Amino acid sequence: MIRKSVLTTAASAAVLAFGLTACGDMGGDEAADAASPEATEETGGTQGGNGESAGEDMDAMQAFGPGCAAVPEDGAGSFEGMAQDPVATAASNNPVLSTLVTAVTEADLVDTLNSAEDITVFAPTNDAFAAIPEEDLNALLADQDQLTEVLTYHVVEGRHAPSDLEDGTFTSLQGGDVTTEGAGEDFTVNGDSRVVCGNVQTANATVYIVDTVLMPS
């Protein structure tokens, strides 16, 4: 078990390195109502992690994967709607990610994620959380320090296109490495977590919805 003082120091350093603001104290309802930045005129105008306009390759901006069918076709939780809001707010509007939103709110990470610039988030589905034994999941949700460790492990710097995931190793906000591999529309994270809906755009992040909760070593 990591001592709280150590975790706090490490998290603070990581936040500075990623250019994030301090965690807020925003509740679940506030997450859904969080102010969203003004949208760009075109989704293709979103800047990628390398600073080049993603509009240069519109095919790369399209979401893919069998899990995308569960995303609402319209409204704030749709792909178009999510692209208008920062990532925590966008997730709060998508029923596929409701458990993740509960966890993010419990960890007081709403402001941190919404204030980040150009990040990639590996977002576990509700089913991914449901696969954790209920007793273990409840214990995790009740332990803010450990929950913060787990959730920040799902966030890496830069907006990464699918091509970046073909054979990638990324340092997470938590500090541990996240590895990806695959090609086309078939990608895995850390070897066994599958991307079920990839390349989802929000105002400040690229999201890959995964079927397993990633656990830092």
C-alpha atoms as a PDB file:
ATOM      1  CA  MET A   1       0.000   0.000   0.000  1.00  0.00           C
ATOM      2  CA  ILE A   2       1.443   3.349  -1.004  1.00  0.00           C
ATOM      3  CA  ARG A   3       1.529   5.889   1.827  1.00  0.00           C
ATOM      4  CA  LYS A   4      -0.802   8.819   1.256  1.00  0.00           C
ATOM      5  CA  SER A   5       2.019  11.377   1.478  1.00  0.00           C
ATOM      6  CA  VAL A   6       4.018   9.533  -1.178  1.00  0.00           C
ATOM      7  CA  LEU A   7       1.006   9.268  -3.471  1.00  0.00           C
ATOM      8  CA  THR A   8       0.223  12.953  -3.034  1.00  0.00           C
ATOM      9  CA  THR A   9       3.791  13.974  -3.916  1.00  0.00           C
ATOM     10  CA  ALA A  10       3.912  11.674  -6.944  1.00  0.00           C
ATOM     11  CA  ALA A  11       0.518  12.789  -8.174  1.00  0.00           C
ATOM     12  CA  SER A  12       1.475  16.446  -7.842  1.00  0.00           C
ATOM     13  CA  ALA A  13       4.618  15.921  -9.886  1.00  0.00           C
ATOM     14  CA  ALA A  14       2.698  14.030 -12.530  1.00  0.00           C
ATOM     15  CA  VAL A  15       0.077  16.749 -12.765  1.00  0.00           C
ATOM     16  CA  LEU A  16       2.777  19.366 -13.341  1.00  0.00           C
ATOM     17  CA  ALA A  17       4.400  17.222 -15.997  1.00  0.00           C
ATOM     18  CA  PHE A  18       1.133  16.747 -17.852  1.00  0.00           C
ATOM     19  CA  GLY A  19       0.155  20.429 -17.573  1.00  0.00           C
ATOM     20  CA  LEU A  20      -2.987  19.654 -15.574  1.00  0.00           C
ATOM     21  CA  THR A  21      -4.686  21.764 -12.923  1.00  0.00           C
ATOM     22  CA  ALA A  22      -5.303  20.605  -9.379  1.00  0.00           C
ATOM     23  CA  CYS A  23      -8.190  18.261  -8.671  1.00  0.00           C
ATOM     24  CA  GLY A  24     -11.513  19.960  -8.006  1.00  0.00           C
ATOM     25  CA  ASP A  25     -14.272  19.063  -5.576  1.00  0.00           C
ATOM     26  CA  MET A  26     -17.026  18.558  -8.093  1.00  0.00           C
ATOM     27  CA  GLY A  27     -19.849  16.098  -7.519  1.00  0.00           C
ATOM     28  CA  GLY A  28     -21.645  13.842  -9.983  1.00  0.00           C
ATOM     29  CA  ASP A  29     -24.312  16.356 -10.972  1.00  0.00           C
ATOM     30  CA  GLU A  30     -21.687  19.039 -11.432  1.00  0.00           C
ATOM     31  CA  ALA A  31     -19.742  16.723 -13.722  1.00  0.00           C
ATOM     32  CA  ALA A  32     -22.668  16.570 -16.095  1.00  0.00           C
ATOM     33  CA  ASP A  33     -23.070  20.348 -15.919  1.00  0.00           C
ATOM     34  CA  ALA A  34     -19.386  21.204 -16.260  1.00  0.00           C
ATOM     35  CA  ALA A  35     -18.783  24.103 -18.587  1.00  0.00           C
ATOM     36  CA  SER A  36     -17.487  22.939 -21.931  1.00  0.00           C
ATOM     37  CA  PRO A  37     -14.971  24.916 -23.976  1.00  0.00           C
ATOM     38  CA  GLU A  38     -16.104  26.455 -27.200  1.00  0.00           C
ATOM     39  CA  ALA A  39     -16.065  23.816 -29.887  1.00  0.00           C
ATOM     40  CA  THR A  40     -13.920  24.127 -32.951  1.00  0.00           C
ATOM     41  CA  GLU A  41     -15.698  24.694 -36.231  1.00  0.00           C
ATOM     42  CA  GLU A  42     -14.810  21.235 -37.444  1.00  0.00           C
ATOM     43  CA  THR A  43     -14.001  18.071 -35.530  1.00  0.00           C
ATOM     44  CA  GLY A  44     -11.114  17.731 -37.965  1.00  0.00           C
ATOM     45  CA  GLY A  45      -9.635  20.917 -36.513  1.00  0.00           C
ATOM     46  CA  THR A  46      -8.682  19.134 -33.279  1.00  0.00           C
ATOM     47  CA  GLN A  47      -4.959  19.235 -32.697  1.00  0.00           C
ATOM     48  CA  GLY A  48      -3.199  15.898 -32.372  1.00  0.00           C
ATOM     49  CA  GLY A  49      -0.474  15.067 -29.874  1.00  0.00           C
ATOM     50  CA  ASN A  50       2.205  15.956 -32.423  1.00  0.00           C
ATOM     51  CA  GLY A  51       0.747  19.443 -32.906  1.00  0.00           C
ATOM     52  CA  GLU A  52      -0.460  18.750 -36.458  1.00  0.00           C
ATOM     53  CA  SER A  53      -4.090  19.156 -37.396  1.00  0.00           C
ATOM     54  CA  ALA A  54      -5.954  15.870 -37.333  1.00  0.00           C
ATOM     55  CA  GLY A  55      -8.060  17.298 -40.141  1.00  0.00           C
ATOM     56  CA  GLU A  56      -5.265  16.297 -42.520  1.00  0.00           C
ATOM     57  CA  ASP A  57      -6.541  12.732 -42.259  1.00  0.00           C
ATOM     58  CA  MET A  58     -10.288  12.641 -41.743  1.00  0.00           C
ATOM     59  CA  ASP A  59     -10.351   8.855 -41.867  1.00  0.00           C
ATOM     60  CA  ALA A  60      -8.228   8.838 -38.712  1.00  0.00           C
ATOM     61  CA  MET A  61     -10.915  10.854 -36.925  1.00  0.00           C
ATOM     62  CA  GLN A  62     -13.609   8.200 -37.305  1.00  0.00           C
ATOM     63  CA  ALA A  63     -14.527   6.035 -34.329  1.00  0.00           C
ATOM     64  CA  PHE A  64     -14.362   2.288 -34.893  1.00  0.00           C
ATOM     65  CA  GLY A  65     -15.104  -1.011 -33.183  1.00  0.00           C
ATOM     66  CA  PRO A  66     -18.113  -3.195 -32.295  1.00  0.00           C
ATOM     67  CA  GLY A  67     -18.707  -1.339 -29.031  1.00  0.00           C
ATOM     68  CA  CYS A  68     -19.456   1.866 -30.912  1.00  0.00           C
ATOM     69  CA  ALA A  69     -22.944   0.517 -31.632  1.00  0.00           C
ATOM     70  CA  ALA A  70     -23.822   1.094 -27.957  1.00  0.00           C
ATOM     71  CA  VAL A  71     -23.017   4.816 -28.182  1.00  0.00           C
ATOM     72  CA  PRO A  72     -26.165   6.968 -28.618  1.00  0.00           C
ATOM     73  CA  GLU A  73     -26.791   8.094 -32.181  1.00  0.00           C
ATOM     74  CA  ASP A  74     -27.641  11.650 -31.193  1.00  0.00           C
ATOM     75  CA  GLY A  75     -27.629  14.005 -28.250  1.00  0.00           C
ATOM     76  CA  ALA A  76     -24.856  14.954 -25.840  1.00  0.00           C
ATOM     77  CA  GLY A  77     -23.717  11.324 -25.461  1.00  0.00           C
ATOM     78  CA  SER A  78     -23.312  10.738 -29.197  1.00  0.00           C
ATOM     79  CA  PHE A  79     -19.974  10.996 -30.980  1.00  0.00           C
ATOM     80  CA  GLU A  80     -20.886  14.451 -32.248  1.00  0.00           C
ATOM     81  CA  GLY A  81     -22.076  15.544 -28.823  1.00  0.00           C
ATOM     82  CA  MET A  82     -19.012  14.202 -27.006  1.00  0.00           C
ATOM     83  CA  ALA A  83     -16.732  16.107 -29.378  1.00  0.00           C
ATOM     84  CA  GLN A  84     -18.136  19.384 -28.029  1.00  0.00           C
ATOM     85  CA  ASP A  85     -17.311  18.757 -24.348  1.00  0.00           C
ATOM     86  CA  PRO A  86     -14.157  18.092 -22.290  1.00  0.00           C
ATOM     87  CA  VAL A  87     -13.611  14.439 -21.555  1.00  0.00           C
ATOM     88  CA  ALA A  88     -15.148  14.033 -18.077  1.00  0.00           C
ATOM     89  CA  THR A  89     -18.259  15.940 -19.105  1.00  0.00           C
ATOM     90  CA  ALA A  90     -18.465  14.022 -22.393  1.00  0.00           C
ATOM     91  CA  ALA A  91     -18.251  10.700 -20.538  1.00  0.00           C
ATOM     92  CA  SER A  92     -20.979  11.773 -18.109  1.00  0.00           C
ATOM     93  CA  ASN A  93     -23.360  12.112 -21.063  1.00  0.00           C
ATOM     94  CA  ASN A  94     -22.612   8.625 -22.376  1.00  0.00           C
ATOM     95  CA  PRO A  95     -24.499   5.752 -20.675  1.00  0.00           C
ATOM     96  CA  VAL A  96     -21.782   3.291 -21.744  1.00  0.00           C
ATOM     97  CA  LEU A  97     -19.392   4.997 -19.300  1.00  0.00           C
ATOM     98  CA  SER A  98     -21.628   5.704 -16.288  1.00  0.00           C
ATOM     99  CA  THR A  99     -19.629   3.595 -13.814  1.00  0.00           C
ATOM    100  CA  LEU A 100     -16.407   5.263 -14.915  1.00  0.00           C
ATOM    101  CA  VAL A 101     -18.018   8.657 -14.331  1.00  0.00           C
ATOM    102  CA  THR A 102     -19.024   7.577 -10.802  1.00  0.00           C
ATOM    103  CA  ALA A 103     -15.434   6.521 -10.124  1.00  0.00           C
ATOM    104  CA  VAL A 104     -13.973   9.746 -11.546  1.00  0.00           C
ATOM    105  CA  THR A 105     -16.344  11.785  -9.383  1.00  0.00           C
ATOM    106  CA  GLU A 106     -15.498   9.784  -6.245  1.00  0.00           C
ATOM    107  CA  ALA A 107     -11.790  10.412  -6.917  1.00  0.00           C
ATOM    108  CA  ASP A 108     -12.352  14.180  -7.425  1.00  0.00           C
ATOM    109  CA  LEU A 109     -10.765  13.981 -10.877  1.00  0.00           C
ATOM    110  CA  VAL A 110     -13.477  15.762 -12.859  1.00  0.00           C
ATOM    111  CA  ASP A 111     -11.693  19.127 -12.964  1.00  0.00           C
ATOM    112  CA  THR A 112      -8.328  17.459 -13.583  1.00  0.00           C
ATOM    113  CA  LEU A 113      -9.548  15.623 -16.672  1.00  0.00           C
ATOM    114  CA  ASN A 114     -11.653  18.493 -17.990  1.00  0.00           C
ATOM    115  CA  SER A 115      -8.748  20.942 -17.612  1.00  0.00           C
ATOM    116  CA  ALA A 116      -6.151  18.715 -19.275  1.00  0.00           C
ATOM    117  CA  GLU A 117      -4.869  19.593 -22.722  1.00  0.00           C
ATOM    118  CA  ASP A 118      -4.391  16.923 -25.370  1.00  0.00           C
ATOM    119  CA  ILE A 119      -4.628  13.607 -23.542  1.00  0.00           C
ATOM    120  CA  THR A 120      -5.628  10.060 -24.431  1.00  0.00           C
ATOM    121  CA  VAL A 121      -7.964   8.182 -22.104  1.00  0.00           C
ATOM    122  CA  PHE A 122      -8.502   4.419 -22.030  1.00  0.00           C
ATOM    123  CA  ALA A 123     -12.063   4.340 -20.713  1.00  0.00           C
ATOM    124  CA  PRO A 124     -13.440   1.097 -19.229  1.00  0.00           C
ATOM    125  CA  THR A 125     -17.042   0.226 -20.039  1.00  0.00           C
ATOM    126  CA  ASN A 126     -19.680  -0.463 -17.399  1.00  0.00           C
ATOM    127  CA  ASP A 127     -19.224  -4.182 -18.112  1.00  0.00           C
ATOM    128  CA  ALA A 128     -15.498  -3.836 -17.434  1.00  0.00           C
ATOM    129  CA  PHE A 129     -16.224  -2.555 -13.942  1.00  0.00           C
ATOM    130  CA  ALA A 130     -18.951  -5.173 -13.463  1.00  0.00           C
ATOM    131  CA  ALA A 131     -16.361  -7.898 -14.080  1.00  0.00           C
ATOM    132  CA  ILE A 132     -14.614  -6.868 -10.844  1.00  0.00           C
ATOM    133  CA  PRO A 133     -16.041  -8.754  -7.822  1.00  0.00           C
ATOM    134  CA  GLU A 134     -18.585  -6.479  -6.139  1.00  0.00           C
ATOM    135  CA  GLU A 135     -16.777  -6.482  -2.790  1.00  0.00           C
ATOM    136  CA  ASP A 136     -13.510  -5.492  -4.436  1.00  0.00           C
ATOM    137  CA  LEU A 137     -15.142  -2.798  -6.553  1.00  0.00           C
ATOM    138  CA  ASN A 138     -16.912  -1.263  -3.554  1.00  0.00           C
ATOM    139  CA  ALA A 139     -13.631  -1.260  -1.621  1.00  0.00           C
ATOM    140  CA  LEU A 140     -11.870   0.461  -4.517  1.00  0.00           C
ATOM    141  CA  LEU A 141     -14.559   3.130  -4.830  1.00  0.00           C
ATOM    142  CA  ALA A 142     -14.313   3.780  -1.084  1.00  0.00           C
ATOM    143  CA  ASP A 143     -10.515   4.232  -1.112  1.00  0.00           C
ATOM    144  CA  GLN A 144      -9.843   7.565  -2.817  1.00  0.00           C
ATOM    145  CA  ASP A 145      -6.061   7.157  -2.913  1.00  0.00           C
ATOM    146  CA  GLN A 146      -6.158   3.743  -4.567  1.00  0.00           C
ATOM    147  CA  LEU A 147      -8.998   4.812  -6.860  1.00  0.00           C
ATOM    148  CA  THR A 148      -6.930   7.800  -7.984  1.00  0.00           C
ATOM    149  CA  GLU A 149      -4.005   5.483  -8.731  1.00  0.00           C
ATOM    150  CA  VAL A 150      -6.180   3.214 -10.880  1.00  0.00           C
ATOM    151  CA  LEU A 151      -7.977   5.984 -12.764  1.00  0.00           C
ATOM    152  CA  THR A 152      -4.883   8.078 -13.522  1.00  0.00           C
ATOM    153  CA  TYR A 153      -3.280   4.923 -14.905  1.00  0.00           C
ATOM    154  CA  HIS A 154      -5.868   5.112 -17.704  1.00  0.00           C
ATOM    155  CA  VAL A 155      -4.677   8.564 -18.866  1.00  0.00           C
ATOM    156  CA  VAL A 156      -1.617   9.276 -21.027  1.00  0.00           C
ATOM    157  CA  GLU A 157      -0.205  12.471 -22.514  1.00  0.00           C
ATOM    158  CA  GLY A 158      -0.991  13.481 -26.090  1.00  0.00           C
ATOM    159  CA  ARG A 159      -3.891  12.760 -28.412  1.00  0.00           C
ATOM    160  CA  HIS A 160      -2.895   9.457 -29.986  1.00  0.00           C
ATOM    161  CA  ALA A 161      -4.259   8.245 -33.320  1.00  0.00           C
ATOM    162  CA  PRO A 162      -4.838   4.510 -33.910  1.00  0.00           C
ATOM    163  CA  SER A 163      -1.510   4.281 -35.759  1.00  0.00           C
ATOM    164  CA  ASP A 164       0.251   5.314 -32.544  1.00  0.00           C
ATOM    165  CA  LEU A 165      -1.218   2.268 -30.804  1.00  0.00           C
ATOM    166  CA  GLU A 166       0.193  -0.309 -33.237  1.00  0.00           C
ATOM    167  CA  ASP A 167       3.218  -0.907 -31.014  1.00  0.00           C
ATOM    168  CA  GLY A 168       3.176   1.741 -28.328  1.00  0.00           C
ATOM    169  CA  THR A 169       4.420   2.315 -24.817  1.00  0.00           C
ATOM    170  CA  PHE A 170       3.054   5.352 -22.996  1.00  0.00           C
ATOM    171  CA  THR A 171       3.705   6.769 -19.538  1.00  0.00           C
ATOM    172  CA  SER A 172       0.451   7.237 -17.665  1.00  0.00           C
ATOM    173  CA  LEU A 173      -0.469  10.096 -15.346  1.00  0.00           C
ATOM    174  CA  GLN A 174      -0.123   7.541 -12.526  1.00  0.00           C
ATOM    175  CA  GLY A 175       3.499   7.014 -13.570  1.00  0.00           C
ATOM    176  CA  GLY A 176       3.349   3.440 -14.834  1.00  0.00           C
ATOM    177  CA  ASP A 177       3.693   2.336 -18.440  1.00  0.00           C
ATOM    178  CA  VAL A 178       0.704   1.425 -20.618  1.00  0.00           C
ATOM    179  CA  THR A 179       1.439  -0.729 -23.662  1.00  0.00           C
ATOM    180  CA  THR A 180      -0.657  -1.121 -26.784  1.00  0.00           C
ATOM    181  CA  GLU A 181      -0.491  -3.258 -29.892  1.00  0.00           C
ATOM    182  CA  GLY A 182      -2.582  -4.104 -32.932  1.00  0.00           C
ATOM    183  CA  ALA A 183      -3.486  -2.757 -36.339  1.00  0.00           C
ATOM    184  CA  GLY A 184      -6.441  -1.557 -38.356  1.00  0.00           C
ATOM    185  CA  GLU A 185      -9.395  -1.659 -35.983  1.00  0.00           C
ATOM    186  CA  ASP A 186      -8.095  -4.398 -33.671  1.00  0.00           C
ATOM    187  CA  PHE A 187      -6.091  -3.141 -30.683  1.00  0.00           C
ATOM    188  CA  THR A 188      -5.306  -4.370 -27.183  1.00  0.00           C
ATOM    189  CA  VAL A 189      -4.009  -2.539 -24.134  1.00  0.00           C
ATOM    190  CA  ASN A 190      -1.566  -4.241 -21.757  1.00  0.00           C
ATOM    191  CA  GLY A 191      -1.971  -7.456 -23.686  1.00  0.00           C
ATOM    192  CA  ASP A 192      -5.512  -8.483 -22.807  1.00  0.00           C
ATOM    193  CA  SER A 193      -7.766  -5.420 -22.589  1.00  0.00           C
ATOM    194  CA  ARG A 194      -9.459  -4.994 -25.944  1.00  0.00           C
ATOM    195  CA  VAL A 195     -10.427  -1.682 -27.514  1.00  0.00           C
ATOM    196  CA  VAL A 196     -14.149  -2.031 -28.245  1.00  0.00           C
ATOM    197  CA  CYS A 197     -14.713   1.499 -29.530  1.00  0.00           C
ATOM    198  CA  GLY A 198     -11.659   3.476 -30.537  1.00  0.00           C
ATOM    199  CA  ASN A 199     -10.702   6.971 -31.605  1.00  0.00           C
ATOM    200  CA  VAL A 200     -13.629   8.723 -29.925  1.00  0.00           C
ATOM    201  CA  GLN A 201     -13.019  12.487 -29.912  1.00  0.00           C
ATOM    202  CA  THR A 202     -13.846  14.928 -27.115  1.00  0.00           C
ATOM    203  CA  ALA A 203     -12.901  18.592 -26.891  1.00  0.00           C
ATOM    204  CA  ASN A 204      -9.614  17.847 -25.123  1.00  0.00           C
ATOM    205  CA  ALA A 205      -8.999  14.108 -25.455  1.00  0.00           C
ATOM    206  CA  THR A 206      -8.996  11.068 -27.685  1.00  0.00           C
ATOM    207  CA  VAL A 207     -10.802   8.172 -26.001  1.00  0.00           C
ATOM    208  CA  TYR A 208     -10.406   4.439 -26.491  1.00  0.00           C
ATOM    209  CA  ILE A 209     -13.220   2.540 -24.778  1.00  0.00           C
ATOM    210  CA  VAL A 210     -11.846  -0.752 -23.409  1.00  0.00           C
ATOM    211  CA  ASP A 211     -13.417  -3.930 -22.052  1.00  0.00           C
ATOM    212  CA  THR A 212     -11.192  -4.297 -18.977  1.00  0.00           C
ATOM    213  CA  VAL A 213     -10.253  -2.027 -16.058  1.00  0.00           C
ATOM    214  CA  LEU A 214      -6.482  -1.513 -16.272  1.00  0.00           C
ATOM    215  CA  MET A 215      -4.610  -2.137 -13.027  1.00  0.00           C
ATOM    216  CA  PRO A 216      -1.192  -0.540 -12.383  1.00  0.00           C
ATOM    217  CA  SER A 217       1.497  -2.944 -11.217  1.00  0.00           C
END
